[in-house]
Amino acid sequence: MADSRDDEQLAGRLVAVAALGLVLIVPPLLAQFDREELAFGVPLLWAYLYIVWAVVIGLVAVIGGRSK
């Protein structure tokens, strides 16, 4: 019984991370970063996308690491 509850919590957290990732890459938000400026030597939009990608992967790794 406890395993099923843990699986539900894990699935819920992973869905929340996926939803966060989706919200962070919707076009209206991406338009805010579509500029000529550079960040870390790359265009701001690309830097933003890679940072979002790394954060989502990091969150999945943390959540997966806590599971049994």
PDB file of N, CA and C in Angstrom:
ATOM      1  N   MET A   1       0.821  -1.183   0.000  1.00  0.00           N
ATOM      2  CA  MET A   1       0.000   0.000   0.000  1.00  0.00           C
ATOM      3  C   MET A   1       0.870   1.253   0.000  1.00  0.00           C
ATOM      4  N   ALA A   2       1.963   1.236   0.761  1.00  0.00           N
ATOM      5  CA  ALA A   2       2.835   2.409   0.827  1.00  0.00           C
ATOM      6  C   ALA A   2       3.566   2.623  -0.493  1.00  0.00           C
ATOM      7  N   ASP A   3       3.887   1.524  -1.187  1.00  0.00           N
ATOM      8  CA  ASP A   3       4.579   1.661  -2.472  1.00  0.00           C
ATOM      9  C   ASP A   3       3.721   2.377  -3.493  1.00  0.00           C
ATOM     10  N   SER A   4       2.432   2.098  -3.496  1.00  0.00           N
ATOM     11  CA  SER A   4       1.537   2.739  -4.452  1.00  0.00           C
ATOM     12  C   SER A   4       1.429   4.232  -4.161  1.00  0.00           C
ATOM     13  N   ARG A   5       1.419   4.597  -2.884  1.00  0.00           N
ATOM     14  CA  ARG A   5       1.358   6.014  -2.523  1.00  0.00           C
ATOM     15  C   ARG A   5       2.649   6.720  -2.923  1.00  0.00           C
ATOM     16  N   ASP A   6       3.794   6.059  -2.719  1.00  0.00           N
ATOM     17  CA  ASP A   6       5.077   6.643  -3.122  1.00  0.00           C
ATOM     18  C   ASP A   6       5.141   6.824  -4.633  1.00  0.00           C
ATOM     19  N   ASP A   7       4.628   5.838  -5.364  1.00  0.00           N
ATOM     20  CA  ASP A   7       4.612   5.936  -6.821  1.00  0.00           C
ATOM     21  C   ASP A   7       3.727   7.093  -7.279  1.00  0.00           C
ATOM     22  N   GLU A   8       2.609   7.296  -6.607  1.00  0.00           N
ATOM     23  CA  GLU A   8       1.712   8.398  -6.959  1.00  0.00           C
ATOM     24  C   GLU A   8       2.377   9.744  -6.686  1.00  0.00           C
ATOM     25  N   GLN A   9       3.077   9.844  -5.559  1.00  0.00           N
ATOM     26  CA  GLN A   9       3.777  11.088  -5.238  1.00  0.00           C
ATOM     27  C   GLN A   9       4.895  11.350  -6.241  1.00  0.00           C
ATOM     28  N   LEU A  10       5.631  10.308  -6.604  1.00  0.00           N
ATOM     29  CA  LEU A  10       6.698  10.441  -7.586  1.00  0.00           C
ATOM     30  C   LEU A  10       6.129  10.891  -8.924  1.00  0.00           C
ATOM     31  N   ALA A  11       5.055  10.261  -9.358  1.00  0.00           N
ATOM     32  CA  ALA A  11       4.426  10.625 -10.624  1.00  0.00           C
ATOM     33  C   ALA A  11       3.921  12.065 -10.578  1.00  0.00           C
ATOM     34  N   GLY A  12       3.336  12.462  -9.469  1.00  0.00           N
ATOM     35  CA  GLY A  12       2.849  13.832  -9.321  1.00  0.00           C
ATOM     36  C   GLY A  12       3.966  14.852  -9.393  1.00  0.00           C
ATOM     37  N   ARG A  13       5.084  14.551  -8.764  1.00  0.00           N
ATOM     38  CA  ARG A  13       6.228  15.468  -8.798  1.00  0.00           C
ATOM     39  C   ARG A  13       6.817  15.561 -10.200  1.00  0.00           C
ATOM     40  N   LEU A  14       6.893  14.437 -10.883  1.00  0.00           N
ATOM     41  CA  LEU A  14       7.421  14.452 -12.248  1.00  0.00           C
ATOM     42  C   LEU A  14       6.490  15.213 -13.196  1.00  0.00           C
ATOM     43  N   VAL A  15       5.197  15.081 -12.987  1.00  0.00           N
ATOM     44  CA  VAL A  15       4.237  15.845 -13.793  1.00  0.00           C
ATOM     45  C   VAL A  15       4.394  17.337 -13.506  1.00  0.00           C
ATOM     46  N   ALA A  16       4.616  17.690 -12.255  1.00  0.00           N
ATOM     47  CA  ALA A  16       4.810  19.101 -11.903  1.00  0.00           C
ATOM     48  C   ALA A  16       6.071  19.662 -12.563  1.00  0.00           C
ATOM     49  N   VAL A  17       7.140  18.882 -12.597  1.00  0.00           N
ATOM     50  CA  VAL A  17       8.373  19.329 -13.254  1.00  0.00           C
ATOM     51  C   VAL A  17       8.144  19.485 -14.758  1.00  0.00           C
ATOM     52  N   ALA A  18       7.412  18.555 -15.360  1.00  0.00           N
ATOM     53  CA  ALA A  18       7.109  18.655 -16.789  1.00  0.00           C
ATOM     54  C   ALA A  18       6.267  19.898 -17.066  1.00  0.00           C
ATOM     55  N   ALA A  19       5.301  20.177 -16.209  1.00  0.00           N
ATOM     56  CA  ALA A  19       4.462  21.365 -16.381  1.00  0.00           C
ATOM     57  C   ALA A  19       5.302  22.636 -16.229  1.00  0.00           C
ATOM     58  N   LEU A  20       6.207  22.639 -15.273  1.00  0.00           N
ATOM     59  CA  LEU A  20       7.093  23.790 -15.093  1.00  0.00           C
ATOM     60  C   LEU A  20       7.943  24.003 -16.338  1.00  0.00           C
ATOM     61  N   GLY A  21       8.512  22.916 -16.869  1.00  0.00           N
ATOM     62  CA  GLY A  21       9.309  23.017 -18.082  1.00  0.00           C
ATOM     63  C   GLY A  21       8.507  23.560 -19.244  1.00  0.00           C
ATOM     64  N   LEU A  22       7.281  23.116 -19.370  1.00  0.00           N
ATOM     65  CA  LEU A  22       6.411  23.597 -20.442  1.00  0.00           C
ATOM     66  C   LEU A  22       6.109  25.077 -20.291  1.00  0.00           C
ATOM     67  N   VAL A  23       5.802  25.491 -19.076  1.00  0.00           N
ATOM     68  CA  VAL A  23       5.490  26.901 -18.826  1.00  0.00           C
ATOM     69  C   VAL A  23       6.705  27.784 -19.120  1.00  0.00           C
ATOM     70  N   LEU A  24       7.895  27.287 -18.821  1.00  0.00           N
ATOM     71  CA  LEU A  24       9.101  28.091 -19.032  1.00  0.00           C
ATOM     72  C   LEU A  24       9.496  28.224 -20.499  1.00  0.00           C
ATOM     73  N   ILE A  25       8.913  27.398 -21.381  1.00  0.00           N
ATOM     74  CA  ILE A  25       9.286  27.496 -22.794  1.00  0.00           C
ATOM     75  C   ILE A  25       8.117  27.882 -23.700  1.00  0.00           C
ATOM     76  N   VAL A  26       7.040  28.403 -23.135  1.00  0.00           N
ATOM     77  CA  VAL A  26       5.935  28.872 -23.985  1.00  0.00           C
ATOM     78  C   VAL A  26       6.386  30.129 -24.721  1.00  0.00           C
ATOM     79  N   PRO A  27       5.907  30.310 -25.955  1.00  0.00           N
ATOM     80  CA  PRO A  27       6.366  31.439 -26.782  1.00  0.00           C
ATOM     81  C   PRO A  27       6.270  32.830 -26.144  1.00  0.00           C
ATOM     82  N   PRO A  28       5.211  33.173 -25.400  1.00  0.00           N
ATOM     83  CA  PRO A  28       5.202  34.526 -24.815  1.00  0.00           C
ATOM     84  C   PRO A  28       6.379  34.766 -23.858  1.00  0.00           C
ATOM     85  N   LEU A  29       6.767  33.755 -23.120  1.00  0.00           N
ATOM     86  CA  LEU A  29       7.905  33.909 -22.209  1.00  0.00           C
ATOM     87  C   LEU A  29       9.216  33.900 -22.987  1.00  0.00           C
ATOM     88  N   LEU A  30       9.325  33.061 -24.001  1.00  0.00           N
ATOM     89  CA  LEU A  30      10.538  33.030 -24.819  1.00  0.00           C
ATOM     90  C   LEU A  30      10.764  34.362 -25.513  1.00  0.00           C
ATOM     91  N   ALA A  31       9.700  35.043 -25.886  1.00  0.00           N
ATOM     92  CA  ALA A  31       9.829  36.334 -26.567  1.00  0.00           C
ATOM     93  C   ALA A  31      10.546  37.360 -25.689  1.00  0.00           C
ATOM     94  N   GLN A  32      10.452  37.205 -24.382  1.00  0.00           N
ATOM     95  CA  GLN A  32      11.134  38.129 -23.468  1.00  0.00           C
ATOM     96  C   GLN A  32      12.653  37.996 -23.559  1.00  0.00           C
ATOM     97  N   PHE A  33      13.131  36.841 -23.990  1.00  0.00           N
ATOM     98  CA  PHE A  33      14.565  36.575 -24.051  1.00  0.00           C
ATOM     99  C   PHE A  33      15.120  36.628 -25.469  1.00  0.00           C
ATOM    100  N   ASP A  34      14.280  36.921 -26.451  1.00  0.00           N
ATOM    101  CA  ASP A  34      14.714  36.970 -27.844  1.00  0.00           C
ATOM    102  C   ASP A  34      15.251  38.366 -28.151  1.00  0.00           C
ATOM    103  N   ARG A  35      16.499  38.595 -27.755  1.00  0.00           N
ATOM    104  CA  ARG A  35      17.146  39.899 -27.921  1.00  0.00           C
ATOM    105  C   ARG A  35      18.526  39.701 -28.535  1.00  0.00           C
ATOM    106  N   GLU A  36      19.149  40.786 -28.892  1.00  0.00           N
ATOM    107  CA  GLU A  36      20.486  40.759 -29.490  1.00  0.00           C
ATOM    108  C   GLU A  36      21.582  40.592 -28.434  1.00  0.00           C
ATOM    109  N   GLU A  37      21.235  40.677 -27.173  1.00  0.00           N
ATOM    110  CA  GLU A  37      22.225  40.641 -26.094  1.00  0.00           C
ATOM    111  C   GLU A  37      22.858  39.260 -25.968  1.00  0.00           C
ATOM    112  N   LEU A  38      24.058  39.235 -25.399  1.00  0.00           N
ATOM    113  CA  LEU A  38      24.762  37.979 -25.164  1.00  0.00           C
ATOM    114  C   LEU A  38      24.813  37.683 -23.670  1.00  0.00           C
ATOM    115  N   ALA A  39      24.710  36.420 -23.339  1.00  0.00           N
ATOM    116  CA  ALA A  39      24.882  35.961 -21.960  1.00  0.00           C
ATOM    117  C   ALA A  39      25.816  34.761 -22.019  1.00  0.00           C
ATOM    118  N   PHE A  40      26.893  34.810 -21.287  1.00  0.00           N
ATOM    119  CA  PHE A  40      27.894  33.742 -21.304  1.00  0.00           C
ATOM    120  C   PHE A  40      28.460  33.543 -22.710  1.00  0.00           C
ATOM    121  N   GLY A  41      28.459  34.583 -23.526  1.00  0.00           N
ATOM    122  CA  GLY A  41      29.009  34.510 -24.868  1.00  0.00           C
ATOM    123  C   GLY A  41      28.082  33.927 -25.921  1.00  0.00           C
ATOM    124  N   VAL A  42      26.848  33.641 -25.565  1.00  0.00           N
ATOM    125  CA  VAL A  42      25.862  33.115 -26.522  1.00  0.00           C
ATOM    126  C   VAL A  42      24.631  34.018 -26.482  1.00  0.00           C
ATOM    127  N   PRO A  43      23.819  33.971 -27.539  1.00  0.00           N
ATOM    128  CA  PRO A  43      22.602  34.783 -27.502  1.00  0.00           C
ATOM    129  C   PRO A  43      21.741  34.474 -26.277  1.00  0.00           C
ATOM    130  N   LEU A  44      21.094  35.483 -25.777  1.00  0.00           N
ATOM    131  CA  LEU A  44      20.313  35.370 -24.540  1.00  0.00           C
ATOM    132  C   LEU A  44      19.256  34.272 -24.620  1.00  0.00           C
ATOM    133  N   LEU A  45      18.589  34.140 -25.744  1.00  0.00           N
ATOM    134  CA  LEU A  45      17.547  33.114 -25.895  1.00  0.00           C
ATOM    135  C   LEU A  45      18.127  31.716 -25.725  1.00  0.00           C
ATOM    136  N   TRP A  46      19.259  31.459 -26.362  1.00  0.00           N
ATOM    137  CA  TRP A  46      19.875  30.134 -26.257  1.00  0.00           C
ATOM    138  C   TRP A  46      20.369  29.854 -24.844  1.00  0.00           C
ATOM    139  N   ALA A  47      20.930  30.866 -24.192  1.00  0.00           N
ATOM    140  CA  ALA A  47      21.364  30.690 -22.808  1.00  0.00           C
ATOM    141  C   ALA A  47      20.172  30.350 -21.919  1.00  0.00           C
ATOM    142  N   TYR A  48      19.064  31.049 -22.105  1.00  0.00           N
ATOM    143  CA  TYR A  48      17.855  30.789 -21.327  1.00  0.00           C
ATOM    144  C   TYR A  48      17.365  29.355 -21.546  1.00  0.00           C
ATOM    145  N   LEU A  49      17.307  28.934 -22.806  1.00  0.00           N
ATOM    146  CA  LEU A  49      16.823  27.584 -23.104  1.00  0.00           C
ATOM    147  C   LEU A  49      17.717  26.514 -22.475  1.00  0.00           C
ATOM    148  N   TYR A  50      19.019  26.680 -22.550  1.00  0.00           N
ATOM    149  CA  TYR A  50      19.919  25.693 -21.953  1.00  0.00           C
ATOM    150  C   TYR A  50      19.829  25.694 -20.434  1.00  0.00           C
ATOM    151  N   ILE A  51      19.638  26.856 -19.828  1.00  0.00           N
ATOM    152  CA  ILE A  51      19.489  26.912 -18.369  1.00  0.00           C
ATOM    153  C   ILE A  51      18.202  26.230 -17.939  1.00  0.00           C
ATOM    154  N   VAL A  52      17.110  26.489 -18.659  1.00  0.00           N
ATOM    155  CA  VAL A  52      15.835  25.823 -18.348  1.00  0.00           C
ATOM    156  C   VAL A  52      15.982  24.316 -18.499  1.00  0.00           C
ATOM    157  N   TRP A  53      16.620  23.894 -19.578  1.00  0.00           N
ATOM    158  CA  TRP A  53      16.845  22.467 -19.839  1.00  0.00           C
ATOM    159  C   TRP A  53      17.643  21.841 -18.685  1.00  0.00           C
ATOM    160  N   ALA A  54      18.705  22.503 -18.252  1.00  0.00           N
ATOM    161  CA  ALA A  54      19.540  21.975 -17.169  1.00  0.00           C
ATOM    162  C   ALA A  54      18.772  21.922 -15.849  1.00  0.00           C
ATOM    163  N   VAL A  55      17.953  22.934 -15.581  1.00  0.00           N
ATOM    164  CA  VAL A  55      17.168  22.952 -14.338  1.00  0.00           C
ATOM    165  C   VAL A  55      16.145  21.815 -14.327  1.00  0.00           C
ATOM    166  N   VAL A  56      15.467  21.602 -15.447  1.00  0.00           N
ATOM    167  CA  VAL A  56      14.476  20.523 -15.518  1.00  0.00           C
ATOM    168  C   VAL A  56      15.161  19.168 -15.333  1.00  0.00           C
ATOM    169  N   ILE A  57      16.282  18.955 -15.990  1.00  0.00           N
ATOM    170  CA  ILE A  57      17.011  17.688 -15.825  1.00  0.00           C
ATOM    171  C   ILE A  57      17.493  17.530 -14.391  1.00  0.00           C
ATOM    172  N   GLY A  58      17.977  18.610 -13.789  1.00  0.00           N
ATOM    173  CA  GLY A  58      18.418  18.550 -12.394  1.00  0.00           C
ATOM    174  C   GLY A  58      17.284  18.203 -11.451  1.00  0.00           C
ATOM    175  N   LEU A  59      16.118  18.797 -11.662  1.00  0.00           N
ATOM    176  CA  LEU A  59      14.969  18.487 -10.812  1.00  0.00           C
ATOM    177  C   LEU A  59      14.543  17.030 -10.968  1.00  0.00           C
ATOM    178  N   VAL A  60      14.531  16.531 -12.195  1.00  0.00           N
ATOM    179  CA  VAL A  60      14.183  15.124 -12.425  1.00  0.00           C
ATOM    180  C   VAL A  60      15.203  14.218 -11.722  1.00  0.00           C
ATOM    181  N   ALA A  61      16.479  14.573 -11.780  1.00  0.00           N
ATOM    182  CA  ALA A  61      17.509  13.771 -11.124  1.00  0.00           C
ATOM    183  C   ALA A  61      17.338  13.772  -9.599  1.00  0.00           C
ATOM    184  N   VAL A  62      17.028  14.921  -9.037  1.00  0.00           N
ATOM    185  CA  VAL A  62      16.817  15.007  -7.585  1.00  0.00           C
ATOM    186  C   VAL A  62      15.590  14.190  -7.185  1.00  0.00           C
ATOM    187  N   ILE A  63      14.518  14.342  -7.917  1.00  0.00           N
ATOM    188  CA  ILE A  63      13.289  13.599  -7.610  1.00  0.00           C
ATOM    189  C   ILE A  63      13.516  12.100  -7.784  1.00  0.00           C
ATOM    190  N   GLY A  64      14.184  11.726  -8.863  1.00  0.00           N
ATOM    191  CA  GLY A  64      14.462  10.307  -9.093  1.00  0.00           C
ATOM    192  C   GLY A  64      15.423   9.727  -8.068  1.00  0.00           C
ATOM    193  N   GLY A  65      16.350  10.527  -7.610  1.00  0.00           N
ATOM    194  CA  GLY A  65      17.310  10.069  -6.600  1.00  0.00           C
ATOM    195  C   GLY A  65      16.669   9.799  -5.245  1.00  0.00           C
ATOM    196  N   ARG A  66      15.610  10.493  -4.958  1.00  0.00           N
ATOM    197  CA  ARG A  66      14.902  10.311  -3.675  1.00  0.00           C
ATOM    198  C   ARG A  66      13.981   9.106  -3.682  1.00  0.00           C
ATOM    199  N   SER A  67      13.621   8.636  -4.892  1.00  0.00           N
ATOM    200  CA  SER A  67      12.690   7.501  -4.964  1.00  0.00           C
ATOM    201  C   SER A  67      13.416   6.214  -4.614  1.00  0.00           C
ATOM    202  N   LYS A  68      12.652   5.196  -4.334  1.00  0.00           N
ATOM    203  CA  LYS A  68      13.233   3.900  -3.940  1.00  0.00           C
ATOM    204  C   LYS A  68      13.790   3.181  -5.130  1.00  0.00           C
TER     205      LYS A  68
END
